[in-house]
Amino acid sequence: MRKPTISGNIFVANLPDGFKDEQLGQLFDGYGLVVVAHVARDFLTGLPKNYGLVDLAPAKAAAKAIAIAGDVFNTILDIMR
C-alpha cells in the first residue's frame, strides 16, 4: 500500500477573467505534483471569482512555488494553514 502524500495548499489571487482549473494546475506543474487545482466560481452565474486553490505535493513544493512563482506570476500566493 502506498503512503499518503502530505501536500500544501496555496491560495492564488488576482487570476485573469476566464481562468480555468486546468490552466491553474499547469502553472504549478513544474513545482511538484498538482493534486488539485480549483478556480472559485460564483454559485449562481458560474463565472470565475479570480482566485483559486492549488494543492501541491509534497508540502515543500508549495513553499518553493510561493518563493518563486509569486514574483513570476505577479499574483498573491499564500499557503493555507
C-alpha atoms as a PDB file:
ATOM      1  CA  MET A   1       0.000   0.000   0.000  1.00  0.00           C
ATOM      2  CA  ARG A   2       1.248   3.469  -0.901  1.00  0.00           C
ATOM      3  CA  LYS A   3       1.836   6.041   1.842  1.00  0.00           C
ATOM      4  CA  PRO A   4      -0.380   9.133   1.676  1.00  0.00           C
ATOM      5  CA  THR A   5       1.436  12.194   0.401  1.00  0.00           C
ATOM      6  CA  ILE A   6       1.422  15.276   2.576  1.00  0.00           C
ATOM      7  CA  SER A   7       0.595  18.296   0.464  1.00  0.00           C
ATOM      8  CA  GLY A   8       0.467  22.066   0.810  1.00  0.00           C
ATOM      9  CA  ASN A   9      -2.476  24.255  -0.185  1.00  0.00           C
ATOM     10  CA  ILE A  10      -1.746  27.517  -1.974  1.00  0.00           C
ATOM     11  CA  PHE A  11      -4.229  30.379  -2.230  1.00  0.00           C
ATOM     12  CA  VAL A  12      -3.822  32.216  -5.548  1.00  0.00           C
ATOM     13  CA  ALA A  13      -5.449  35.624  -6.074  1.00  0.00           C
ATOM     14  CA  ASN A  14      -5.707  38.079  -8.984  1.00  0.00           C
ATOM     15  CA  LEU A  15      -6.318  35.416 -11.622  1.00  0.00           C
ATOM     16  CA  PRO A  16      -7.359  36.769 -15.037  1.00  0.00           C
ATOM     17  CA  ASP A  17     -11.003  36.628 -16.108  1.00  0.00           C
ATOM     18  CA  GLY A  18     -11.980  33.303 -17.618  1.00  0.00           C
ATOM     19  CA  PHE A  19      -9.121  31.377 -15.980  1.00  0.00           C
ATOM     20  CA  LYS A  20      -9.801  27.619 -15.759  1.00  0.00           C
ATOM     21  CA  ASP A  21      -8.850  24.870 -13.307  1.00  0.00           C
ATOM     22  CA  GLU A  22      -6.598  23.211 -15.890  1.00  0.00           C
ATOM     23  CA  GLN A  23      -4.698  26.441 -16.541  1.00  0.00           C
ATOM     24  CA  LEU A  24      -4.130  26.963 -12.828  1.00  0.00           C
ATOM     25  CA  GLY A  25      -2.795  23.437 -12.476  1.00  0.00           C
ATOM     26  CA  GLN A  26      -0.452  23.909 -15.439  1.00  0.00           C
ATOM     27  CA  LEU A  27       1.072  26.997 -13.812  1.00  0.00           C
ATOM     28  CA  PHE A  28       2.240  24.893 -10.870  1.00  0.00           C
ATOM     29  CA  ASP A  29       3.167  21.640 -12.639  1.00  0.00           C
ATOM     30  CA  GLY A  30       6.869  22.449 -12.525  1.00  0.00           C
ATOM     31  CA  TYR A  31       6.952  22.839  -8.731  1.00  0.00           C
ATOM     32  CA  GLY A  32       5.531  19.483  -7.666  1.00  0.00           C
ATOM     33  CA  LEU A  33       2.629  17.116  -8.136  1.00  0.00           C
ATOM     34  CA  VAL A  34      -0.589  19.098  -8.550  1.00  0.00           C
ATOM     35  CA  VAL A  35      -3.111  17.112  -6.519  1.00  0.00           C
ATOM     36  CA  VAL A  36      -5.983  19.569  -7.099  1.00  0.00           C
ATOM     37  CA  ALA A  37      -6.260  22.942  -8.814  1.00  0.00           C
ATOM     38  CA  HIS A  38      -9.564  24.767  -8.438  1.00  0.00           C
ATOM     39  CA  VAL A  39     -10.680  28.231  -9.538  1.00  0.00           C
ATOM     40  CA  ALA A  40     -13.511  29.507  -7.339  1.00  0.00           C
ATOM     41  CA  ARG A  41     -16.749  30.197  -9.195  1.00  0.00           C
ATOM     42  CA  ASP A  42     -19.878  32.159  -8.401  1.00  0.00           C
ATOM     43  CA  PHE A  43     -22.619  29.760  -7.355  1.00  0.00           C
ATOM     44  CA  LEU A  44     -25.373  31.449  -9.383  1.00  0.00           C
ATOM     45  CA  THR A  45     -23.566  32.580 -12.537  1.00  0.00           C
ATOM     46  CA  GLY A  46     -20.745  30.035 -12.748  1.00  0.00           C
ATOM     47  CA  LEU A  47     -18.295  32.828 -13.556  1.00  0.00           C
ATOM     48  CA  PRO A  48     -14.787  32.644 -12.059  1.00  0.00           C
ATOM     49  CA  LYS A  49     -14.131  34.760  -8.961  1.00  0.00           C
ATOM     50  CA  ASN A  50     -10.475  35.478  -9.893  1.00  0.00           C
ATOM     51  CA  TYR A  51      -8.964  33.376  -7.114  1.00  0.00           C
ATOM     52  CA  GLY A  52      -8.284  29.706  -6.609  1.00  0.00           C
ATOM     53  CA  LEU A  53      -6.564  26.981  -4.638  1.00  0.00           C
ATOM     54  CA  VAL A  54      -3.777  24.643  -5.652  1.00  0.00           C
ATOM     55  CA  ASP A  55      -2.864  21.560  -3.636  1.00  0.00           C
ATOM     56  CA  LEU A  56       0.790  20.604  -4.276  1.00  0.00           C
ATOM     57  CA  ALA A  57       2.656  17.541  -3.078  1.00  0.00           C
ATOM     58  CA  PRO A  58       4.992  17.373  -1.300  1.00  0.00           C
ATOM     59  CA  ALA A  59       4.313  20.265   1.071  1.00  0.00           C
ATOM     60  CA  LYS A  60       7.830  21.625   0.466  1.00  0.00           C
ATOM     61  CA  ALA A  61       6.823  22.143  -3.166  1.00  0.00           C
ATOM     62  CA  ALA A  62       4.163  24.619  -2.050  1.00  0.00           C
ATOM     63  CA  ALA A  63       6.723  26.695  -0.158  1.00  0.00           C
ATOM     64  CA  LYS A  64       9.073  26.593  -3.167  1.00  0.00           C
ATOM     65  CA  ALA A  65       6.286  27.644  -5.524  1.00  0.00           C
ATOM     66  CA  ILE A  66       5.405  30.610  -3.347  1.00  0.00           C
ATOM     67  CA  ALA A  67       9.020  31.729  -3.120  1.00  0.00           C
ATOM     68  CA  ILE A  68       9.480  31.627  -6.897  1.00  0.00           C
ATOM     69  CA  ALA A  69       6.081  31.903  -8.545  1.00  0.00           C
ATOM     70  CA  GLY A  70       4.805  34.931  -6.613  1.00  0.00           C
ATOM     71  CA  ASP A  71       7.300  37.122  -8.421  1.00  0.00           C
ATOM     72  CA  VAL A  72       6.983  35.335 -11.748  1.00  0.00           C
ATOM     73  CA  PHE A  73       3.182  35.429 -11.950  1.00  0.00           C
ATOM     74  CA  ASN A  74       2.828  38.808 -10.185  1.00  0.00           C
ATOM     75  CA  THR A  75      -0.032  37.489  -8.071  1.00  0.00           C
ATOM     76  CA  ILE A  76      -0.797  36.834  -4.431  1.00  0.00           C
ATOM     77  CA  LEU A  77       0.251  33.393  -3.256  1.00  0.00           C
ATOM     78  CA  ASP A  78      -0.120  32.145   0.287  1.00  0.00           C
ATOM     79  CA  ILE A  79      -0.007  28.742   1.973  1.00  0.00           C
ATOM     80  CA  MET A  80      -3.326  27.929   3.599  1.00  0.00           C
ATOM     81  CA  ARG A  81      -2.868  26.802   7.188  1.00  0.00           C
END
